[in-house]
Amino acid sequence: MSKNTKRRVAKTSKKLDGDDDLKLEFDENYLTSGANASPFATWLGGELRSRISFNIENKDVRKEVWEKLWLEMKAHWKIENDKPKKIMIRRAKKNCTNFRSFLTRNFVYTGLDPFTKFPFLDKSKWQGFKEYRLSEEFKIWYKSGFVKLKEIDDTIMGVMPPSANKPALN
């Protein structure tokens, strides 16, 4: 057993040797596929958790951070062109959102301590994250997102959203 018993951000455990091992394959929608799709997902999650603090919303992350991540992703995984860039950055942002949601559901709402499972989290930022996620401001923002999504779904299905029934202001 190693001397280090404290859990850290996961990195790929599979040893990837040689030039071809780190090459990503993409399907027609520029989503990862093939043998390295899973190791890439693990690598991406680890990179995001080590670079972007859990308490920062995606909209507050500087564009340069996403650009730098893309360039490192492209070099590390031997991505030959920029065609998958938009999809990969969108995937990274979704990964960050999902992690914050996971923390909220499993630790903020339950009152459990996240540091046992995720000791790399910054303890000094946890209380602020927790307070924001329990605030009325967050609840209103959260609910408004679902209303917008429902309106989009209703519009796609041919149902007029409630806002379409409001009289026009002249």
N, C-alpha and C. Protein backbone atom coordinates (compact mmCIF):
# COMPACT_ATOMS: atom_id res chain seq x y z
N MET A 1 0.85 -1.18 0.00
CA MET A 1 0.00 0.00 0.00
C MET A 1 0.89 1.24 0.00
N SER A 2 0.45 2.28 -0.70
CA SER A 2 1.27 3.48 -0.79
C SER A 2 1.20 4.27 0.52
N LYS A 3 2.19 5.13 0.70
CA LYS A 3 2.23 5.98 1.89
C LYS A 3 1.09 6.99 1.87
N ASN A 4 0.71 7.39 0.66
CA ASN A 4 -0.34 8.40 0.50
C ASN A 4 -1.71 7.74 0.61
N THR A 5 -2.38 7.93 1.72
CA THR A 5 -3.70 7.32 1.90
C THR A 5 -4.81 8.29 1.59
N LYS A 6 -4.50 9.55 1.34
CA LYS A 6 -5.50 10.56 1.05
C LYS A 6 -5.88 10.50 -0.42
N ARG A 7 -7.17 10.47 -0.70
CA ARG A 7 -7.67 10.40 -2.06
C ARG A 7 -7.44 11.72 -2.77
N ARG A 8 -7.03 11.64 -4.02
CA ARG A 8 -6.81 12.83 -4.84
C ARG A 8 -7.65 12.74 -6.10
N VAL A 9 -7.57 13.78 -6.92
CA VAL A 9 -8.28 13.79 -8.19
C VAL A 9 -7.82 12.59 -9.01
N ALA A 10 -8.78 11.86 -9.56
CA ALA A 10 -8.46 10.66 -10.33
C ALA A 10 -7.77 11.01 -11.64
N LYS A 11 -6.82 10.23 -11.99
CA LYS A 11 -6.17 10.30 -13.29
C LYS A 11 -6.34 8.92 -13.92
N THR A 12 -6.11 8.81 -15.21
CA THR A 12 -6.27 7.50 -15.83
C THR A 12 -5.30 6.52 -15.19
N SER A 13 -5.81 5.37 -14.83
CA SER A 13 -4.95 4.36 -14.21
C SER A 13 -4.31 3.47 -15.28
N LYS A 14 -4.92 3.42 -16.45
CA LYS A 14 -4.39 2.60 -17.53
C LYS A 14 -3.12 3.24 -18.07
N LYS A 15 -2.09 2.45 -18.20
CA LYS A 15 -0.84 2.94 -18.77
C LYS A 15 -1.00 3.00 -20.28
N LEU A 16 -0.88 4.19 -20.83
CA LEU A 16 -1.03 4.37 -22.26
C LEU A 16 0.33 4.65 -22.86
N ASP A 17 0.90 3.66 -23.51
CA ASP A 17 2.23 3.79 -24.10
C ASP A 17 2.12 3.92 -25.61
N GLY A 18 3.07 4.61 -26.19
CA GLY A 18 3.13 4.72 -27.64
C GLY A 18 2.29 5.87 -28.17
N ASP A 19 2.55 6.26 -29.39
CA ASP A 19 1.86 7.39 -29.98
C ASP A 19 0.39 7.11 -30.26
N ASP A 20 0.07 5.92 -30.72
CA ASP A 20 -1.29 5.62 -31.13
C ASP A 20 -2.23 5.44 -29.94
N ASP A 21 -1.69 5.11 -28.78
CA ASP A 21 -2.55 4.85 -27.62
C ASP A 21 -3.32 6.08 -27.16
N LEU A 22 -2.77 7.25 -27.37
CA LEU A 22 -3.44 8.46 -26.89
C LEU A 22 -4.30 9.13 -27.95
N LYS A 23 -4.49 8.51 -29.06
CA LYS A 23 -5.28 9.10 -30.13
C LYS A 23 -6.76 8.86 -29.87
N LEU A 24 -7.54 9.92 -29.97
CA LEU A 24 -8.99 9.81 -29.79
C LEU A 24 -9.67 9.59 -31.13
N GLU A 25 -10.71 8.80 -31.09
CA GLU A 25 -11.56 8.61 -32.26
C GLU A 25 -12.85 9.36 -32.00
N PHE A 26 -13.45 9.89 -33.08
CA PHE A 26 -14.70 10.63 -32.97
C PHE A 26 -15.73 10.05 -33.91
N ASP A 27 -17.00 10.11 -33.51
CA ASP A 27 -18.06 9.71 -34.42
C ASP A 27 -18.45 10.90 -35.30
N GLU A 28 -19.51 10.75 -36.08
CA GLU A 28 -19.91 11.82 -37.01
C GLU A 28 -20.37 13.09 -36.30
N ASN A 29 -20.71 13.01 -35.01
CA ASN A 29 -21.12 14.18 -34.22
C ASN A 29 -19.98 14.75 -33.39
N TYR A 30 -18.76 14.27 -33.62
CA TYR A 30 -17.55 14.67 -32.90
C TYR A 30 -17.60 14.31 -31.42
N LEU A 31 -18.29 13.23 -31.11
CA LEU A 31 -18.27 12.69 -29.76
C LEU A 31 -17.21 11.60 -29.73
N THR A 32 -16.53 11.45 -28.59
CA THR A 32 -15.47 10.46 -28.50
C THR A 32 -16.03 9.05 -28.60
N SER A 33 -15.25 8.20 -29.23
CA SER A 33 -15.65 6.79 -29.37
C SER A 33 -14.36 5.96 -29.39
N GLY A 34 -14.53 4.68 -29.36
CA GLY A 34 -13.37 3.80 -29.46
C GLY A 34 -12.76 3.48 -28.10
N ALA A 35 -11.60 2.85 -28.16
CA ALA A 35 -10.94 2.33 -26.96
C ALA A 35 -10.53 3.41 -25.96
N ASN A 36 -10.23 4.61 -26.42
CA ASN A 36 -9.75 5.66 -25.51
C ASN A 36 -10.85 6.60 -25.02
N ALA A 37 -12.10 6.34 -25.35
CA ALA A 37 -13.19 7.21 -24.91
C ALA A 37 -13.30 7.25 -23.38
N SER A 38 -13.22 6.09 -22.75
CA SER A 38 -13.33 6.03 -21.28
C SER A 38 -12.11 6.64 -20.58
N PRO A 39 -10.88 6.28 -20.99
CA PRO A 39 -9.72 6.94 -20.36
C PRO A 39 -9.74 8.46 -20.57
N PHE A 40 -10.23 8.91 -21.71
CA PHE A 40 -10.33 10.34 -21.96
C PHE A 40 -11.31 10.99 -20.98
N ALA A 41 -12.45 10.36 -20.75
CA ALA A 41 -13.45 10.90 -19.82
C ALA A 41 -12.87 11.03 -18.42
N THR A 42 -12.11 10.03 -17.99
CA THR A 42 -11.46 10.07 -16.68
C THR A 42 -10.44 11.20 -16.63
N TRP A 43 -9.64 11.30 -17.67
CA TRP A 43 -8.62 12.36 -17.76
C TRP A 43 -9.28 13.73 -17.72
N LEU A 44 -10.35 13.91 -18.49
CA LEU A 44 -11.04 15.21 -18.55
C LEU A 44 -11.60 15.58 -17.19
N GLY A 45 -12.26 14.64 -16.52
CA GLY A 45 -12.80 14.92 -15.19
C GLY A 45 -11.72 15.35 -14.21
N GLY A 46 -10.60 14.64 -14.23
CA GLY A 46 -9.49 14.99 -13.34
C GLY A 46 -8.91 16.35 -13.65
N GLU A 47 -8.74 16.65 -14.92
CA GLU A 47 -8.22 17.96 -15.32
C GLU A 47 -9.16 19.08 -14.88
N LEU A 48 -10.44 18.89 -15.09
CA LEU A 48 -11.42 19.93 -14.73
C LEU A 48 -11.44 20.17 -13.23
N ARG A 49 -11.43 19.10 -12.45
CA ARG A 49 -11.49 19.25 -10.99
C ARG A 49 -10.22 19.86 -10.42
N SER A 50 -9.10 19.68 -11.11
CA SER A 50 -7.86 20.26 -10.62
C SER A 50 -7.67 21.70 -11.10
N ARG A 51 -8.36 22.11 -12.15
CA ARG A 51 -8.19 23.46 -12.72
C ARG A 51 -9.29 24.44 -12.33
N ILE A 52 -10.52 23.96 -12.24
CA ILE A 52 -11.67 24.84 -12.05
C ILE A 52 -12.31 24.53 -10.71
N SER A 53 -12.38 25.52 -9.86
CA SER A 53 -12.95 25.33 -8.53
C SER A 53 -14.44 25.01 -8.62
N PHE A 54 -14.90 24.12 -7.76
CA PHE A 54 -16.29 23.67 -7.76
C PHE A 54 -17.27 24.81 -7.49
N ASN A 55 -16.81 25.88 -6.88
CA ASN A 55 -17.72 26.96 -6.51
C ASN A 55 -17.84 28.04 -7.59
N ILE A 56 -17.22 27.84 -8.73
CA ILE A 56 -17.29 28.82 -9.82
C ILE A 56 -18.21 28.30 -10.91
N GLU A 57 -19.22 29.10 -11.26
CA GLU A 57 -20.13 28.73 -12.33
C GLU A 57 -19.40 28.86 -13.67
N ASN A 58 -19.83 28.08 -14.66
CA ASN A 58 -19.18 28.08 -15.97
C ASN A 58 -19.10 29.47 -16.59
N LYS A 59 -20.15 30.26 -16.43
CA LYS A 59 -20.19 31.59 -17.03
C LYS A 59 -19.13 32.52 -16.43
N ASP A 60 -18.63 32.17 -15.24
CA ASP A 60 -17.63 32.99 -14.58
C ASP A 60 -16.19 32.53 -14.85
N VAL A 61 -16.05 31.42 -15.56
CA VAL A 61 -14.72 30.93 -15.92
C VAL A 61 -14.25 31.69 -17.16
N ARG A 62 -13.06 32.25 -17.09
CA ARG A 62 -12.54 33.02 -18.22
C ARG A 62 -12.41 32.14 -19.47
N LYS A 63 -12.67 32.73 -20.61
CA LYS A 63 -12.59 32.01 -21.88
C LYS A 63 -11.20 31.40 -22.10
N GLU A 64 -10.17 32.08 -21.61
CA GLU A 64 -8.80 31.59 -21.78
C GLU A 64 -8.59 30.23 -21.11
N VAL A 65 -9.31 29.98 -20.01
CA VAL A 65 -9.18 28.71 -19.31
C VAL A 65 -9.68 27.58 -20.20
N TRP A 66 -10.83 27.80 -20.85
CA TRP A 66 -11.38 26.78 -21.76
C TRP A 66 -10.46 26.59 -22.97
N GLU A 67 -9.92 27.70 -23.48
CA GLU A 67 -9.02 27.62 -24.64
C GLU A 67 -7.75 26.84 -24.29
N LYS A 68 -7.19 27.13 -23.13
CA LYS A 68 -5.98 26.43 -22.70
C LYS A 68 -6.26 24.94 -22.51
N LEU A 69 -7.41 24.63 -21.92
CA LEU A 69 -7.79 23.23 -21.74
C LEU A 69 -7.89 22.54 -23.10
N TRP A 70 -8.50 23.21 -24.09
CA TRP A 70 -8.62 22.63 -25.42
C TRP A 70 -7.24 22.36 -26.03
N LEU A 71 -6.34 23.31 -25.92
CA LEU A 71 -5.01 23.13 -26.51
C LEU A 71 -4.26 21.97 -25.85
N GLU A 72 -4.38 21.84 -24.54
CA GLU A 72 -3.73 20.72 -23.85
C GLU A 72 -4.40 19.40 -24.20
N MET A 73 -5.72 19.43 -24.32
CA MET A 73 -6.47 18.24 -24.70
C MET A 73 -6.03 17.80 -26.11
N LYS A 74 -5.93 18.76 -26.98
CA LYS A 74 -5.56 18.49 -28.37
C LYS A 74 -4.16 17.90 -28.46
N ALA A 75 -3.23 18.44 -27.70
CA ALA A 75 -1.85 17.95 -27.73
C ALA A 75 -1.73 16.59 -27.04
N HIS A 76 -2.32 16.45 -25.86
CA HIS A 76 -2.20 15.22 -25.08
C HIS A 76 -2.85 14.03 -25.77
N TRP A 77 -4.01 14.26 -26.38
CA TRP A 77 -4.79 13.17 -26.98
C TRP A 77 -4.65 13.12 -28.50
N LYS A 78 -3.68 13.87 -29.03
CA LYS A 78 -3.35 13.83 -30.46
C LYS A 78 -4.57 14.06 -31.34
N ILE A 79 -5.30 15.13 -31.03
CA ILE A 79 -6.45 15.51 -31.85
C ILE A 79 -5.90 16.35 -32.99
N GLU A 80 -6.18 15.95 -34.21
CA GLU A 80 -5.51 16.52 -35.37
C GLU A 80 -6.06 17.86 -35.85
N ASN A 81 -7.32 18.16 -35.58
CA ASN A 81 -7.88 19.42 -36.06
C ASN A 81 -8.83 20.00 -35.02
N ASP A 82 -9.38 21.16 -35.33
CA ASP A 82 -10.24 21.86 -34.37
C ASP A 82 -11.73 21.54 -34.55
N LYS A 83 -12.06 20.62 -35.41
CA LYS A 83 -13.49 20.31 -35.64
C LYS A 83 -14.23 19.90 -34.36
N PRO A 84 -13.63 19.08 -33.49
CA PRO A 84 -14.36 18.69 -32.27
C PRO A 84 -14.27 19.71 -31.13
N LYS A 85 -13.61 20.83 -31.35
CA LYS A 85 -13.36 21.79 -30.27
C LYS A 85 -14.64 22.24 -29.57
N LYS A 86 -15.61 22.68 -30.33
CA LYS A 86 -16.85 23.20 -29.74
C LYS A 86 -17.55 22.13 -28.89
N ILE A 87 -17.60 20.91 -29.41
CA ILE A 87 -18.24 19.81 -28.68
C ILE A 87 -17.45 19.47 -27.42
N MET A 88 -16.13 19.45 -27.52
CA MET A 88 -15.29 19.09 -26.37
C MET A 88 -15.39 20.14 -25.26
N ILE A 89 -15.41 21.42 -25.64
CA ILE A 89 -15.55 22.47 -24.62
C ILE A 89 -16.94 22.41 -24.00
N ARG A 90 -17.95 22.16 -24.81
CA ARG A 90 -19.31 22.01 -24.28
C ARG A 90 -19.36 20.82 -23.31
N ARG A 91 -18.68 19.74 -23.66
CA ARG A 91 -18.64 18.56 -22.79
C ARG A 91 -17.94 18.88 -21.47
N ALA A 92 -16.86 19.65 -21.54
CA ALA A 92 -16.14 20.03 -20.32
C ALA A 92 -17.02 20.89 -19.42
N LYS A 93 -17.75 21.83 -20.02
CA LYS A 93 -18.65 22.69 -19.23
C LYS A 93 -19.76 21.86 -18.59
N LYS A 94 -20.30 20.92 -19.34
CA LYS A 94 -21.36 20.06 -18.81
C LYS A 94 -20.82 19.20 -17.67
N ASN A 95 -19.59 18.73 -17.81
CA ASN A 95 -18.94 17.95 -16.77
C ASN A 95 -18.85 18.76 -15.47
N CYS A 96 -18.44 20.03 -15.58
CA CYS A 96 -18.35 20.91 -14.40
C CYS A 96 -19.73 21.11 -13.77
N THR A 97 -20.74 21.36 -14.61
CA THR A 97 -22.11 21.55 -14.12
C THR A 97 -22.60 20.30 -13.40
N ASN A 98 -22.36 19.15 -13.99
CA ASN A 98 -22.79 17.89 -13.38
C ASN A 98 -22.11 17.65 -12.03
N PHE A 99 -20.84 18.01 -11.92
CA PHE A 99 -20.13 17.82 -10.66
C PHE A 99 -20.72 18.74 -9.58
N ARG A 100 -20.99 20.01 -9.93
CA ARG A 100 -21.61 20.91 -8.95
C ARG A 100 -22.99 20.40 -8.53
N SER A 101 -23.76 19.89 -9.50
CA SER A 101 -25.08 19.33 -9.18
C SER A 101 -24.96 18.11 -8.28
N PHE A 102 -23.97 17.27 -8.56
CA PHE A 102 -23.73 16.09 -7.73
C PHE A 102 -23.40 16.51 -6.29
N LEU A 103 -22.53 17.50 -6.15
CA LEU A 103 -22.18 17.99 -4.81
C LEU A 103 -23.41 18.54 -4.10
N THR A 104 -24.24 19.27 -4.84
CA THR A 104 -25.44 19.85 -4.24
C THR A 104 -26.40 18.77 -3.77
N ARG A 105 -26.71 17.82 -4.64
CA ARG A 105 -27.66 16.74 -4.30
C ARG A 105 -27.15 15.86 -3.16
N ASN A 106 -25.90 15.48 -3.23
CA ASN A 106 -25.39 14.46 -2.32
C ASN A 106 -24.74 14.98 -1.05
N PHE A 107 -24.40 16.27 -1.02
CA PHE A 107 -23.71 16.79 0.16
C PHE A 107 -24.36 18.05 0.73
N VAL A 108 -24.76 19.00 -0.13
CA VAL A 108 -25.38 20.22 0.40
C VAL A 108 -26.75 19.89 0.98
N TYR A 109 -27.62 19.24 0.21
CA TYR A 109 -28.98 18.96 0.67
C TYR A 109 -29.03 17.91 1.77
N THR A 110 -28.06 17.02 1.81
CA THR A 110 -28.08 15.97 2.83
C THR A 110 -27.30 16.35 4.09
N GLY A 111 -26.46 17.40 3.99
CA GLY A 111 -25.66 17.82 5.13
C GLY A 111 -24.44 16.93 5.36
N LEU A 112 -24.16 16.03 4.44
CA LEU A 112 -22.98 15.16 4.59
C LEU A 112 -21.70 15.91 4.27
N ASP A 113 -20.60 15.39 4.75
CA ASP A 113 -19.29 16.00 4.53
C ASP A 113 -18.69 15.48 3.23
N PRO A 114 -18.41 16.36 2.25
CA PRO A 114 -17.86 15.90 0.96
C PRO A 114 -16.37 15.61 1.01
N PHE A 115 -15.68 16.02 2.06
CA PHE A 115 -14.22 15.96 2.09
C PHE A 115 -13.68 14.55 2.31
N THR A 116 -14.52 13.66 2.79
CA THR A 116 -14.10 12.27 2.92
C THR A 116 -13.94 11.65 1.53
N LYS A 117 -14.93 11.92 0.68
CA LYS A 117 -14.90 11.37 -0.67
C LYS A 117 -14.03 12.20 -1.62
N PHE A 118 -14.02 13.52 -1.42
CA PHE A 118 -13.29 14.42 -2.31
C PHE A 118 -12.36 15.34 -1.50
N PRO A 119 -11.26 14.82 -0.98
CA PRO A 119 -10.39 15.64 -0.13
C PRO A 119 -9.69 16.77 -0.88
N PHE A 120 -9.72 16.75 -2.20
CA PHE A 120 -9.09 17.82 -2.97
C PHE A 120 -9.95 19.08 -3.02
N LEU A 121 -11.20 19.02 -2.56
CA LEU A 121 -12.05 20.22 -2.53
C LEU A 121 -11.49 21.23 -1.54
N ASP A 122 -11.61 22.49 -1.88
CA ASP A 122 -11.11 23.56 -1.03
C ASP A 122 -12.12 23.79 0.11
N LYS A 123 -11.73 23.44 1.32
CA LYS A 123 -12.63 23.57 2.47
C LYS A 123 -13.03 25.01 2.74
N SER A 124 -12.16 25.95 2.41
CA SER A 124 -12.47 27.36 2.67
C SER A 124 -13.60 27.88 1.76
N LYS A 125 -13.86 27.19 0.67
CA LYS A 125 -14.91 27.64 -0.27
C LYS A 125 -16.21 26.87 -0.10
N TRP A 126 -16.18 25.81 0.69
CA TRP A 126 -17.36 24.95 0.81
C TRP A 126 -18.55 25.67 1.45
N GLN A 127 -18.32 26.40 2.52
CA GLN A 127 -19.43 27.05 3.22
C GLN A 127 -20.14 28.05 2.31
N GLY A 128 -19.39 28.83 1.54
CA GLY A 128 -19.98 29.78 0.60
C GLY A 128 -20.78 29.07 -0.48
N PHE A 129 -20.25 27.97 -1.01
CA PHE A 129 -20.95 27.17 -2.02
C PHE A 129 -22.25 26.63 -1.44
N LYS A 130 -22.16 26.11 -0.24
CA LYS A 130 -23.33 25.53 0.43
C LYS A 130 -24.40 26.61 0.68
N GLU A 131 -23.99 27.75 1.19
CA GLU A 131 -24.94 28.83 1.46
C GLU A 131 -25.62 29.30 0.18
N TYR A 132 -24.84 29.44 -0.91
CA TYR A 132 -25.43 29.87 -2.18
C TYR A 132 -26.42 28.84 -2.70
N ARG A 133 -26.05 27.56 -2.63
CA ARG A 133 -26.93 26.52 -3.15
C ARG A 133 -28.20 26.36 -2.32
N LEU A 134 -28.21 26.83 -1.08
CA LEU A 134 -29.41 26.78 -0.24
C LEU A 134 -30.19 28.10 -0.26
N SER A 135 -29.66 29.11 -0.95
CA SER A 135 -30.27 30.44 -0.95
C SER A 135 -31.51 30.51 -1.85
N GLU A 136 -32.35 31.51 -1.57
CA GLU A 136 -33.52 31.77 -2.41
C GLU A 136 -33.10 32.16 -3.82
N GLU A 137 -32.00 32.91 -3.93
CA GLU A 137 -31.49 33.33 -5.24
C GLU A 137 -31.21 32.11 -6.12
N PHE A 138 -30.57 31.10 -5.56
CA PHE A 138 -30.27 29.90 -6.33
C PHE A 138 -31.55 29.15 -6.68
N LYS A 139 -32.46 29.05 -5.75
CA LYS A 139 -33.72 28.33 -6.00
C LYS A 139 -34.50 28.99 -7.13
N ILE A 140 -34.54 30.32 -7.15
CA ILE A 140 -35.23 31.04 -8.22
C ILE A 140 -34.53 30.81 -9.55
N TRP A 141 -33.20 30.91 -9.54
CA TRP A 141 -32.44 30.67 -10.77
C TRP A 141 -32.65 29.25 -11.28
N TYR A 142 -32.61 28.30 -10.37
CA TYR A 142 -32.75 26.89 -10.72
C TYR A 142 -34.12 26.62 -11.34
N LYS A 143 -35.16 27.14 -10.70
CA LYS A 143 -36.52 26.93 -11.20
C LYS A 143 -36.73 27.63 -12.54
N SER A 144 -36.13 28.79 -12.73
CA SER A 144 -36.30 29.51 -14.00
C SER A 144 -35.69 28.73 -15.15
N GLY A 145 -34.63 28.01 -14.88
CA GLY A 145 -34.02 27.17 -15.91
C GLY A 145 -34.95 26.06 -16.36
N PHE A 146 -35.68 25.46 -15.41
CA PHE A 146 -36.61 24.41 -15.76
C PHE A 146 -37.81 24.95 -16.52
N VAL A 147 -38.27 26.15 -16.16
CA VAL A 147 -39.38 26.76 -16.88
C VAL A 147 -38.98 27.01 -18.32
N LYS A 148 -37.77 27.56 -18.53
CA LYS A 148 -37.30 27.82 -19.89
C LYS A 148 -37.18 26.53 -20.68
N LEU A 149 -36.64 25.48 -20.05
CA LEU A 149 -36.53 24.20 -20.75
C LEU A 149 -37.89 23.63 -21.10
N LYS A 150 -38.87 23.77 -20.20
CA LYS A 150 -40.21 23.27 -20.47
C LYS A 150 -40.82 24.05 -21.63
N GLU A 151 -40.63 25.38 -21.65
CA GLU A 151 -41.15 26.18 -22.75
C GLU A 151 -40.52 25.76 -24.08
N ILE A 152 -39.23 25.50 -24.07
CA ILE A 152 -38.56 25.05 -25.29
C ILE A 152 -39.12 23.70 -25.72
N ASP A 153 -39.29 22.77 -24.76
CA ASP A 153 -39.85 21.46 -25.09
C ASP A 153 -41.27 21.58 -25.62
N ASP A 154 -42.08 22.44 -24.98
CA ASP A 154 -43.46 22.63 -25.43
C ASP A 154 -43.50 23.23 -26.83
N THR A 155 -42.62 24.19 -27.11
CA THR A 155 -42.58 24.81 -28.43
C THR A 155 -42.19 23.77 -29.49
N ILE A 156 -41.23 22.94 -29.17
CA ILE A 156 -40.82 21.89 -30.11
C ILE A 156 -41.96 20.92 -30.36
N MET A 157 -42.73 20.62 -29.32
CA MET A 157 -43.85 19.68 -29.45
C MET A 157 -45.10 20.33 -30.03
N GLY A 158 -45.06 21.63 -30.31
CA GLY A 158 -46.21 22.30 -30.91
C GLY A 158 -47.17 22.92 -29.91
N VAL A 159 -46.80 22.96 -28.65
CA VAL A 159 -47.65 23.56 -27.62
C VAL A 159 -47.13 24.97 -27.38
N MET A 160 -48.03 25.93 -27.30
CA MET A 160 -47.60 27.31 -27.07
C MET A 160 -47.22 27.49 -25.61
N PRO A 161 -46.03 28.05 -25.33
CA PRO A 161 -45.64 28.30 -23.96
C PRO A 161 -46.50 29.39 -23.32
N PRO A 162 -46.61 29.44 -21.99
CA PRO A 162 -47.44 30.43 -21.31
C PRO A 162 -47.10 31.86 -21.72
N SER A 163 -45.85 32.17 -21.97
CA SER A 163 -45.48 33.53 -22.35
C SER A 163 -46.05 33.93 -23.69
N ALA A 164 -46.40 32.97 -24.54
CA ALA A 164 -46.96 33.28 -25.86
C ALA A 164 -48.40 33.73 -25.74
N ASN A 165 -49.08 33.42 -24.64
CA ASN A 165 -50.47 33.79 -24.45
C ASN A 165 -50.64 35.19 -23.87
N LYS A 166 -49.56 35.85 -23.52
CA LYS A 166 -49.64 37.19 -22.94
C LYS A 166 -49.94 38.19 -24.05
N PRO A 167 -50.80 39.17 -23.75
CA PRO A 167 -51.10 40.17 -24.78
C PRO A 167 -49.88 41.03 -25.08
N ALA A 168 -49.77 41.45 -26.31
CA ALA A 168 -48.64 42.30 -26.72
C ALA A 168 -48.80 43.69 -26.13
N LEU A 169 -47.70 44.27 -25.69
CA LEU A 169 -47.71 45.63 -25.16
C LEU A 169 -47.45 46.59 -26.30
N ASN A 170 -48.33 47.54 -26.47
CA ASN A 170 -48.16 48.53 -27.54
C ASN A 170 -47.63 49.82 -27.02
